[in-house]
């Protein structure tokens, strides 16, 4: 192991940040995920969560999980393919398919394993996967696992995407995989332009990752595809339960032919243990709440628009975000770590975003909102972050 250890020992960035007292990761939370959490002996405002609908601490979601735990036990002890299918798995899949406007759906144990399992399973060596430069790591890994040829295009650049499509033979499948909402920068994919190009080329298939779109965009939170009124033009939709649906797991939805094939061939589906009963029931209850409480998404957008205004007025660089994900650009690796530490000391938890989650010149802290955040909490956070950014000479 000498060579391996010598090679891995060169990775010492975490140790350097720990020595400087600014290491921001793996902080232990001692309370429910909510707008305020208990960490390291005191409460801090939580602006680092993906719980956009604010349902992770909702008693109805918790009780649904507890009830399923008592009825079905703690796990299924097998894959969906064999002994691990419960009636609530089937119910959740049926309701998710209807919710996002597709024939059928499949539930996976995590959102990551949806992309890493579905993408490589769909294509042959003669086909092409085309990805946006800023696609999520799970899409990147799905692309790497595929035998298909991989191409990519500059972020949200229609002309560059068209150039990539033109490089592919007409008789090959061309799978465009794109995030609906880009998870670090908060902007949306240009889905109308992608659909336009689909109709200009042969054998183009579109797959949209709705991880950060469901519960946020579209009618009743149906996602970015619905937001653009282009659900019928998108062939495959995936989503996760770990964000707006207040649980853990993921799903893919498509027509019957695609889902039938994936149900029997997707390796991360047939060789993984199925979603736990509690996680499944919690996601199902969250889905019901989202559909029955439109005021929840309205509140999310009210506090989001308020925060966007406050950060712009304070002089922060926030890019082209159009969502509850607000990137606060730092553009300096060490200062990014310092911001998160100083903000925490001021009572605000945010996420440091460094490579490979972004380009080296685009380091940022990620500020994300939930439906149950208040304007007063946003004011406290903006005041604290303005102080920190000015002390570090990031904004004037």
Protein backbone atom coordinates (compact mmCIF):
# COMPACT_ATOMS: atom_id res chain seq x y z
CA UNK A 1 0.00 0.00 0.00
CA UNK A 2 3.04 2.29 0.01
CA UNK A 3 2.44 3.71 -3.47
CA UNK A 4 -1.29 4.15 -2.90
CA UNK A 5 -0.78 5.91 0.43
CA UNK A 6 1.91 8.15 -1.04
CA UNK A 7 -0.41 9.15 -3.86
CA UNK A 8 -3.43 9.79 -1.63
CA UNK A 9 -1.40 11.66 0.98
CA UNK A 10 -0.85 14.44 -1.55
CA UNK A 11 -4.50 15.37 -1.07
CA UNK A 12 -4.14 17.57 1.99
CA UNK A 13 -6.52 20.48 1.39
CA UNK A 14 -8.88 19.37 4.19
CA UNK A 15 -6.00 19.18 6.66
CA UNK A 16 -4.84 22.67 5.70
CA UNK A 17 -8.34 24.10 6.23
CA UNK A 18 -8.67 22.27 9.56
CA UNK A 19 -5.35 23.75 10.73
CA UNK A 20 -6.62 27.23 9.82
CA UNK A 21 -9.89 26.61 11.66
CA UNK A 22 -12.11 27.14 8.61
CA UNK A 23 -13.02 23.57 7.59
CA UNK A 24 -16.78 23.74 6.83
CA UNK A 25 -17.89 20.14 6.28
CA UNK A 26 -19.48 17.32 8.30
CA UNK A 27 -20.85 19.55 11.06
CA UNK A 28 -23.15 17.47 13.27
CA UNK A 29 -26.76 18.63 13.60
CA UNK A 30 -28.60 17.70 16.81
CA UNK A 31 -32.15 18.67 15.79
CA UNK A 32 -34.68 18.29 12.97
CA UNK A 33 -33.85 19.86 9.63
CA UNK A 34 -35.64 23.21 9.68
CA UNK A 35 -35.11 26.94 9.31
CA UNK A 36 -33.08 26.84 12.54
CA UNK A 37 -31.01 23.90 13.72
CA UNK A 38 -28.85 23.11 16.71
CA UNK A 39 -25.17 22.70 15.86
CA UNK A 40 -22.14 22.74 18.14
CA UNK A 41 -24.14 23.78 21.15
CA UNK A 42 -26.13 26.68 19.72
CA UNK A 43 -28.85 27.43 17.18
CA UNK A 44 -28.02 28.70 13.71
CA UNK A 45 -30.18 29.78 10.78
CA UNK A 46 -30.20 26.98 8.21
CA UNK A 47 -29.67 28.31 4.69
CA UNK A 48 -27.73 25.28 3.48
CA UNK A 49 -30.61 22.82 3.01
CA UNK A 50 -32.40 21.47 -0.05
CA UNK A 51 -35.69 21.12 1.84
CA UNK A 52 -37.42 23.70 -0.38
CA UNK A 53 -40.95 22.81 0.75
CA UNK A 54 -39.97 22.85 4.42
CA UNK A 55 -41.49 19.42 5.03
CA UNK A 56 -38.61 17.52 6.66
CA UNK A 57 -39.90 18.37 10.13
CA UNK A 58 -43.61 18.24 9.30
CA UNK A 59 -45.42 16.01 11.78
CA UNK A 60 -47.60 14.48 9.05
CA UNK A 61 -44.53 13.33 7.13
CA UNK A 62 -42.90 12.04 10.31
CA UNK A 63 -46.04 10.16 11.36
CA UNK A 64 -46.37 8.56 7.91
CA UNK A 65 -42.82 7.26 8.25
CA UNK A 66 -43.42 5.99 11.78
CA UNK A 67 -46.63 4.21 10.74
CA UNK A 68 -44.85 2.49 7.84
CA UNK A 69 -41.96 1.50 10.10
CA UNK A 70 -44.40 -0.22 12.44
CA UNK A 71 -46.38 -1.89 9.64
CA UNK A 72 -43.55 -3.07 7.37
CA UNK A 73 -40.46 -3.05 9.58
CA UNK A 74 -37.20 -1.21 9.19
CA UNK A 75 -36.27 -2.51 5.74
CA UNK A 76 -37.18 -4.88 2.92
CA UNK A 77 -34.06 -7.08 3.07
CA UNK A 78 -33.85 -7.36 -0.69
CA UNK A 79 -34.18 -5.66 -4.05
CA UNK A 80 -37.37 -4.55 -5.71
CA UNK A 81 -36.64 -7.18 -8.35
CA UNK A 82 -36.97 -10.02 -5.83
CA UNK A 83 -38.56 -9.76 -2.39
CA UNK A 84 -38.39 -6.00 -1.77
CA UNK A 85 -41.51 -4.60 -3.45
CA UNK A 86 -44.17 -3.22 -1.08
CA UNK A 87 -47.62 -1.99 -2.00
CA UNK A 88 -46.57 1.53 -1.01
CA UNK A 89 -43.68 1.38 -3.51
CA UNK A 90 -46.21 0.62 -6.24
CA UNK A 91 -48.55 3.36 -5.03
CA UNK A 92 -45.78 5.96 -4.91
CA UNK A 93 -44.64 5.05 -8.42
CA UNK A 94 -48.16 5.36 -9.77
CA UNK A 95 -48.71 8.75 -8.16
CA UNK A 96 -45.30 10.09 -9.21
CA UNK A 97 -45.92 9.10 -12.84
CA UNK A 98 -49.24 10.91 -12.81
CA UNK A 99 -47.72 13.91 -11.04
CA UNK A 100 -44.96 14.48 -13.61
CA UNK A 101 -47.12 13.50 -16.58
CA UNK A 102 -45.62 10.20 -17.71
CA UNK A 103 -46.97 6.65 -18.17
CA UNK A 104 -45.00 4.93 -15.42
CA UNK A 105 -42.26 5.48 -12.86
CA UNK A 106 -39.63 3.46 -11.00
CA UNK A 107 -38.37 4.25 -7.49
CA UNK A 108 -34.64 3.85 -6.71
CA UNK A 109 -32.89 3.88 -3.35
CA UNK A 110 -31.22 7.25 -4.04
CA UNK A 111 -31.42 9.95 -6.65
CA UNK A 112 -27.75 9.43 -7.51
CA UNK A 113 -28.41 5.81 -8.48
CA UNK A 114 -31.18 6.88 -10.82
CA UNK A 115 -28.77 8.80 -13.04
CA UNK A 116 -25.84 6.43 -12.58
CA UNK A 117 -28.07 3.47 -13.44
CA UNK A 118 -30.48 4.75 -16.07
CA UNK A 119 -28.09 6.67 -18.31
CA UNK A 120 -25.61 3.85 -19.06
CA UNK A 121 -28.39 1.30 -19.49
CA UNK A 122 -30.15 3.12 -22.31
CA UNK A 123 -27.42 3.38 -24.92
CA UNK A 124 -25.07 1.26 -27.03
CA UNK A 125 -21.54 1.88 -28.32
CA UNK A 126 -23.04 3.44 -31.45
CA UNK A 127 -24.96 6.09 -29.50
CA UNK A 128 -24.12 9.47 -27.93
CA UNK A 129 -24.66 11.11 -24.54
CA UNK A 130 -24.64 14.90 -24.65
CA UNK A 131 -24.42 16.80 -21.35
CA UNK A 132 -24.34 20.41 -20.20
CA UNK A 133 -20.99 21.44 -18.72
CA UNK A 134 -22.62 22.03 -15.33
CA UNK A 135 -24.66 18.84 -15.05
CA UNK A 136 -24.74 17.14 -11.65
CA UNK A 137 -22.06 14.62 -10.68
CA UNK A 138 -24.56 11.75 -10.87
CA UNK A 139 -25.14 12.55 -14.55
CA UNK A 140 -21.38 12.74 -15.12
CA UNK A 141 -20.90 9.33 -13.49
CA UNK A 142 -23.78 7.85 -15.49
CA UNK A 143 -22.09 9.11 -18.63
CA UNK A 144 -18.76 7.60 -17.57
CA UNK A 145 -20.36 4.19 -16.98
CA UNK A 146 -21.89 4.12 -20.44
CA UNK A 147 -20.34 2.54 -23.51
CA UNK A 148 -21.82 5.37 -25.58
CA UNK A 149 -19.67 8.21 -26.87
CA UNK A 150 -19.71 11.25 -24.60
CA UNK A 151 -20.05 14.84 -25.77
CA UNK A 152 -20.75 18.01 -23.84
CA UNK A 153 -21.69 21.59 -24.57
CA UNK A 154 -21.01 24.94 -22.93
CA UNK A 155 -23.48 25.76 -20.20
CA UNK A 156 -26.89 26.71 -21.63
CA UNK A 157 -25.29 27.39 -25.02
CA UNK A 158 -27.73 26.48 -27.79
CA UNK A 159 -25.20 26.90 -30.60
CA UNK A 160 -22.65 24.66 -28.90
CA UNK A 161 -25.31 22.02 -28.24
CA UNK A 162 -26.30 22.12 -31.90
CA UNK A 163 -22.66 21.67 -32.91
CA UNK A 164 -22.48 18.58 -30.72
CA UNK A 165 -25.66 17.18 -32.24
CA UNK A 166 -24.36 17.76 -35.76
CA UNK A 167 -21.30 15.65 -34.96
CA UNK A 168 -23.48 12.59 -34.41
CA UNK A 169 -24.62 10.25 -37.21
CA UNK A 170 -28.32 10.46 -38.07
CA UNK A 171 -28.97 6.82 -37.27
CA UNK A 172 -27.51 7.01 -33.74
CA UNK A 173 -29.47 7.74 -30.58
CA UNK A 174 -28.53 11.14 -29.15
CA UNK A 175 -29.44 11.38 -25.47
CA UNK A 176 -29.35 14.93 -24.11
CA UNK A 177 -29.22 14.85 -20.30
CA UNK A 178 -29.62 18.13 -18.46
CA UNK A 179 -30.42 19.50 -15.01
CA UNK A 180 -33.74 21.32 -14.90
CA UNK A 181 -32.35 23.58 -12.15
CA UNK A 182 -28.57 23.70 -11.81
CA UNK A 183 -27.89 22.85 -8.21
CA UNK A 184 -25.03 25.23 -7.46
CA UNK A 185 -25.85 28.28 -9.62
CA UNK A 186 -29.66 28.14 -9.37
CA UNK A 187 -30.37 28.93 -13.02
CA UNK A 188 -32.65 26.86 -15.27
CA UNK A 189 -31.80 24.85 -18.34
CA UNK A 190 -32.97 26.41 -21.60
CA UNK A 191 -35.45 23.63 -22.22
CA UNK A 192 -37.38 25.37 -25.04
CA UNK A 193 -34.13 25.67 -27.01
CA UNK A 194 -33.25 22.02 -26.36
CA UNK A 195 -36.68 20.92 -27.57
CA UNK A 196 -36.30 23.10 -30.66
CA UNK A 197 -33.06 21.32 -31.52
CA UNK A 198 -34.69 17.95 -30.87
CA UNK A 199 -37.03 18.63 -33.78
CA UNK A 200 -34.18 19.65 -36.06
CA UNK A 201 -32.24 16.38 -35.64
CA UNK A 202 -33.09 12.69 -35.91
CA UNK A 203 -33.27 10.28 -32.95
CA UNK A 204 -32.83 12.84 -30.19
CA UNK A 205 -34.01 11.83 -26.70
CA UNK A 206 -34.25 14.35 -23.84
CA UNK A 207 -33.78 13.45 -20.17
CA UNK A 208 -34.31 16.15 -17.52
CA UNK A 209 -33.07 15.88 -13.94
CA UNK A 210 -35.82 17.49 -11.82
CA UNK A 211 -34.04 17.04 -8.47
CA UNK A 212 -34.25 20.77 -7.69
CA UNK A 213 -37.33 21.51 -9.80
CA UNK A 214 -39.98 19.33 -8.16
CA UNK A 215 -41.79 21.13 -5.37
CA UNK A 216 -40.52 24.47 -6.68
CA UNK A 217 -41.53 25.04 -10.31
CA UNK A 218 -44.64 24.25 -12.35
CA UNK A 219 -48.22 23.52 -11.39
CA UNK A 220 -48.33 22.15 -7.83
CA UNK A 221 -44.55 21.87 -8.00
CA UNK A 222 -44.47 19.44 -10.94
CA UNK A 223 -41.11 20.72 -12.05
CA UNK A 224 -39.29 22.65 -14.77
CA UNK A 225 -40.73 20.55 -17.61
CA UNK A 226 -44.21 21.59 -16.51
CA UNK A 227 -43.04 25.17 -15.90
CA UNK A 228 -42.11 25.42 -19.58
CA UNK A 229 -45.23 23.42 -20.62
CA UNK A 230 -42.92 20.93 -22.35
CA UNK A 231 -43.55 17.71 -20.42
CA UNK A 232 -44.72 15.89 -23.55
CA UNK A 233 -41.51 16.86 -25.37
CA UNK A 234 -39.27 15.45 -22.63
CA UNK A 235 -38.84 11.70 -22.92
CA UNK A 236 -37.42 10.87 -19.47
CA UNK A 237 -37.85 12.72 -16.17
CA UNK A 238 -35.97 11.89 -12.99
CA UNK A 239 -36.31 13.31 -9.52
CA UNK A 240 -35.26 12.81 -5.93
CA UNK A 241 -37.04 12.47 -2.60
CA UNK A 242 -34.24 14.08 -0.57
CA UNK A 243 -35.23 17.66 -1.31
CA UNK A 244 -38.83 18.82 -1.64
CA UNK A 245 -40.19 15.35 -0.83
CA UNK A 246 -38.52 15.30 2.59
CA UNK A 247 -37.12 11.77 2.46
CA UNK A 248 -34.42 9.75 0.67
CA UNK A 249 -34.60 7.99 -2.69
CA UNK A 250 -35.26 8.84 -6.31
CA UNK A 251 -37.34 7.98 -9.35
CA UNK A 252 -37.39 7.92 -13.11
CA UNK A 253 -40.56 8.41 -15.16
CA UNK A 254 -41.11 7.77 -18.87
CA UNK A 255 -43.33 5.84 -21.28
CA UNK A 256 -44.17 2.18 -20.73
CA UNK A 257 -41.53 0.86 -23.14
CA UNK A 258 -38.65 2.68 -21.44
CA UNK A 259 -39.79 1.84 -17.91
CA UNK A 260 -40.37 -1.83 -18.75
CA UNK A 261 -36.82 -2.06 -20.08
CA UNK A 262 -35.27 -0.26 -17.10
CA UNK A 263 -37.29 -2.28 -14.59
CA UNK A 264 -35.57 -5.45 -15.79
CA UNK A 265 -32.10 -4.17 -16.74
CA UNK A 266 -31.02 -1.07 -14.74
CA UNK A 267 -28.28 -2.41 -12.50
CA UNK A 268 -28.58 0.15 -9.72
CA UNK A 269 -32.29 -0.76 -9.50
CA UNK A 270 -32.25 -4.56 -9.66
CA UNK A 271 -29.08 -4.99 -7.58
CA UNK A 272 -29.86 -2.46 -4.82
CA UNK A 273 -32.02 -2.96 -1.77
CA UNK A 274 -35.35 -1.21 -2.15
CA UNK A 275 -36.34 2.04 -0.47
CA UNK A 276 -37.10 1.60 3.22
CA UNK A 277 -40.78 1.59 4.19
CA UNK A 278 -40.38 4.75 6.25
CA UNK A 279 -38.63 6.66 3.44
CA UNK A 280 -41.25 5.56 0.92
CA UNK A 281 -44.22 6.51 3.08
CA UNK A 282 -42.65 9.86 4.02
CA UNK A 283 -42.10 10.76 0.37
CA UNK A 284 -45.66 9.74 -0.47
CA UNK A 285 -47.09 11.93 2.30
CA UNK A 286 -44.92 14.86 1.23
CA UNK A 287 -46.17 14.46 -2.35
CA UNK A 288 -49.77 14.66 -1.09
CA UNK A 289 -49.04 17.77 0.99
CA UNK A 290 -47.38 19.57 -1.92
CA UNK A 291 -50.41 18.95 -4.12
CA UNK A 292 -52.92 19.95 -1.45
CA UNK A 293 -51.17 23.04 -0.09
CA UNK A 294 -50.37 25.42 -2.97
CA UNK A 295 -49.75 28.16 -0.43
CA UNK A 296 -46.54 26.35 0.52
CA UNK A 297 -44.94 26.95 -2.88
CA UNK A 298 -46.36 30.49 -2.92
CA UNK A 299 -44.57 31.18 0.39
CA UNK A 300 -41.35 29.71 -1.00
CA UNK A 301 -41.43 32.12 -3.93
CA UNK A 302 -42.33 35.11 -1.79
CA UNK A 303 -39.34 34.60 0.49
CA UNK A 304 -37.10 33.71 -2.48
CA UNK A 305 -37.94 36.91 -4.35
CA UNK A 306 -37.42 38.89 -1.16
CA UNK A 307 -33.99 37.34 -0.60
CA UNK A 308 -32.96 37.92 -4.22
CA UNK A 309 -33.86 41.60 -3.87
CA UNK A 310 -31.99 41.96 -0.58
CA UNK A 311 -28.79 40.35 -1.88
CA UNK A 312 -28.82 42.43 -5.06
CA UNK A 313 -29.42 45.64 -3.11
CA UNK A 314 -26.51 44.76 -0.80
CA UNK A 315 -24.14 44.40 -3.76
CA UNK A 316 -23.63 40.62 -3.83
CA UNK A 317 -22.76 38.89 -7.09
CA UNK A 318 -25.47 36.25 -7.50
CA UNK A 319 -25.20 35.30 -11.18
CA UNK A 320 -28.29 34.32 -13.16
CA UNK A 321 -30.19 32.36 -10.55
CA UNK A 322 -33.94 31.98 -11.08
CA UNK A 323 -34.66 29.75 -8.12
CA UNK A 324 -34.48 29.42 -4.32
CA UNK A 325 -30.79 28.54 -4.82
CA UNK A 326 -28.82 31.78 -4.52
CA UNK A 327 -25.08 31.58 -5.29
CA UNK A 328 -23.01 34.22 -3.49
CA UNK A 329 -19.83 34.34 -5.53
CA UNK A 330 -16.54 34.63 -3.67
CA UNK A 331 -14.10 33.63 -6.45
CA UNK A 332 -11.31 32.76 -4.02
CA UNK A 333 -10.86 29.28 -2.53
CA UNK A 334 -9.54 30.24 0.89
CA UNK A 335 -11.98 33.12 1.31
CA UNK A 336 -14.83 30.74 0.49
CA UNK A 337 -13.89 28.64 3.50
CA UNK A 338 -13.45 31.75 5.62
CA UNK A 339 -16.91 33.04 4.66
CA UNK A 340 -18.61 29.85 5.84
CA UNK A 341 -16.70 29.89 9.14
CA UNK A 342 -17.37 33.56 9.83
CA UNK A 343 -21.02 33.24 8.81
CA UNK A 344 -21.42 30.28 11.17
CA UNK A 345 -19.94 32.36 13.98
CA UNK A 346 -22.60 34.97 13.15
CA UNK A 347 -25.32 32.31 13.40
CA UNK A 348 -25.84 31.52 9.69
CA UNK A 349 -25.18 28.12 8.11
CA UNK A 350 -24.37 28.14 4.38
CA UNK A 351 -22.51 25.76 2.07
CA UNK A 352 -19.04 26.26 0.64
CA UNK A 353 -18.90 25.30 -3.05
CA UNK A 354 -15.45 24.56 -4.43
CA UNK A 355 -14.09 22.38 -7.28
CA UNK A 356 -15.17 19.92 -8.55
CA UNK A 357 -18.65 21.26 -7.78
CA UNK A 358 -17.72 24.44 -9.66
CA UNK A 359 -14.91 25.85 -11.80
CA UNK A 360 -11.84 27.06 -9.83
CA UNK A 361 -12.63 30.69 -10.66
CA UNK A 362 -16.27 30.34 -9.60
CA UNK A 363 -16.03 29.38 -5.92
CA UNK A 364 -19.10 30.49 -4.01
CA UNK A 365 -21.26 29.97 -0.97
CA UNK A 366 -24.69 28.52 -1.62
CA UNK A 367 -27.66 30.14 0.09
CA UNK A 368 -30.90 28.12 -0.25
CA UNK A 369 -34.41 28.89 0.92
CA UNK A 370 -37.32 26.90 2.32
CA UNK A 371 -41.04 27.66 2.23
CA UNK A 372 -41.08 28.22 5.98
CA UNK A 373 -38.21 30.72 6.12
CA UNK A 374 -39.38 34.17 7.21
CA UNK A 375 -38.39 37.55 5.85
CA UNK A 376 -37.00 38.36 9.29
CA UNK A 377 -34.68 35.33 9.07
CA UNK A 378 -33.56 36.45 5.61
CA UNK A 379 -32.86 39.94 6.97
CA UNK A 380 -30.72 38.51 9.77
CA UNK A 381 -28.78 36.37 7.29
CA UNK A 382 -28.23 39.13 4.74
CA UNK A 383 -27.02 41.49 7.48
CA UNK A 384 -24.57 38.89 8.80
CA UNK A 385 -23.30 37.91 5.35
CA UNK A 386 -22.90 41.54 4.28
CA UNK A 387 -20.71 42.10 7.33
CA UNK A 388 -18.60 39.01 6.52
CA UNK A 389 -18.23 39.78 2.81
CA UNK A 390 -17.17 43.35 3.55
CA UNK A 391 -14.64 42.28 6.17
CA UNK A 392 -13.08 39.94 3.59
CA UNK A 393 -13.19 42.68 0.93
CA UNK A 394 -15.42 40.58 -1.37
CA UNK A 395 -18.05 43.33 -1.68
CA UNK A 396 -17.67 47.03 -1.01
